[in-house]
Amino acid sequence: YLNSDAGTMSPFEHGEVFVLDDGGEVDLDLGNYERFLDLNLARDNNLTTGKIYSKVLEAERRGDYLGKTVQVIPHITD
């Protein structure tokens, strides 16, 4: 999904939102992993397509791609 986090997603579509100790809102899967592995995970342990696209677009606005056409390949895959 393209959301930055699970906090605004419908629980009917994606399940319960799990809130991490640092306040990060993630989907239930990561909450289950945290419990089963007996770990304290943080929001940085959760990566979404929305976060990736946001970082790429920020880099494009800064001029990091020097006027190139920004595409999934190579700008996200690399």
Protein backbone atom coordinates (compact mmCIF):
# COMPACT_ATOMS: atom_id res chain seq x y z
CA TYR A 1 0.00 0.00 0.00
CA LEU A 2 1.04 3.62 -0.48
CA ASN A 3 0.17 4.82 3.01
CA SER A 4 2.98 6.19 5.18
CA ASP A 5 1.73 4.22 8.17
CA ALA A 6 -1.25 2.10 9.18
CA GLY A 7 -2.83 4.75 11.41
CA THR A 8 -5.30 6.04 8.83
CA MET A 9 -6.15 2.73 7.20
CA SER A 10 -9.53 1.09 7.72
CA PRO A 11 -9.32 -1.77 10.24
CA PHE A 12 -12.04 -3.50 8.20
CA GLU A 13 -9.72 -3.66 5.20
CA HIS A 14 -6.35 -4.20 6.84
CA GLY A 15 -6.89 -5.30 10.43
CA GLU A 16 -6.10 -3.70 13.73
CA VAL A 17 -3.44 -0.99 14.03
CA PHE A 18 -0.57 -1.86 16.38
CA VAL A 19 1.07 1.06 18.18
CA LEU A 20 4.77 0.63 18.96
CA ASP A 21 6.50 1.95 22.09
CA ASP A 22 7.79 4.99 20.15
CA GLY A 23 4.26 5.79 18.89
CA GLY A 24 4.74 4.33 15.42
CA GLU A 25 1.51 2.98 13.95
CA VAL A 26 2.00 -0.28 12.05
CA ASP A 27 -0.17 -3.09 10.80
CA LEU A 28 -0.99 -6.05 12.96
CA ASP A 29 1.62 -8.27 11.27
CA LEU A 30 4.51 -6.26 12.72
CA GLY A 31 2.80 -6.30 16.11
CA ASN A 32 2.65 -10.08 15.96
CA TYR A 33 6.33 -10.29 15.00
CA GLU A 34 7.23 -8.06 17.95
CA ARG A 35 5.34 -10.31 20.37
CA PHE A 36 6.56 -13.63 18.96
CA LEU A 37 10.20 -12.53 18.73
CA ASP A 38 10.10 -10.77 22.12
CA LEU A 39 11.55 -7.59 20.60
CA ASN A 40 10.77 -3.92 21.02
CA LEU A 41 10.48 -2.61 17.49
CA ALA A 42 10.40 1.05 16.46
CA ARG A 43 8.71 2.96 13.65
CA ASP A 44 11.95 2.73 11.64
CA ASN A 45 11.56 -1.07 11.57
CA ASN A 46 8.46 -0.59 9.40
CA LEU A 47 8.93 0.31 5.74
CA THR A 48 6.02 1.14 3.44
CA THR A 49 5.87 2.00 -0.23
CA GLY A 50 4.46 5.37 0.83
CA LYS A 51 7.60 6.12 2.87
CA ILE A 52 9.87 5.09 -0.01
CA TYR A 53 8.00 7.21 -2.57
CA SER A 54 8.02 10.17 -0.17
CA LYS A 55 11.82 9.99 0.21
CA VAL A 56 12.33 9.72 -3.56
CA LEU A 57 10.05 12.69 -4.21
CA GLU A 58 11.85 14.75 -1.54
CA ALA A 59 15.16 13.95 -3.25
CA GLU A 60 13.71 14.93 -6.63
CA ARG A 61 12.51 18.28 -5.25
CA ARG A 62 15.99 18.95 -3.82
CA GLY A 63 17.47 18.37 -7.27
CA ASP A 64 19.31 15.18 -6.32
CA TYR A 65 18.51 13.58 -9.68
CA LEU A 66 19.87 16.51 -11.71
CA GLY A 67 16.83 16.90 -13.96
CA LYS A 68 16.52 13.22 -14.83
CA THR A 69 13.12 11.57 -15.22
CA VAL A 70 12.59 9.85 -11.86
CA GLN A 71 11.43 6.25 -12.26
CA VAL A 72 11.02 3.17 -10.08
CA ILE A 73 13.94 1.59 -11.95
CA PRO A 74 16.62 2.78 -11.23
CA HIS A 75 15.78 5.48 -8.67
CA ILE A 76 13.94 3.28 -6.18
CA THR A 77 15.52 -0.10 -6.87
CA ASP A 78 19.05 1.29 -6.63
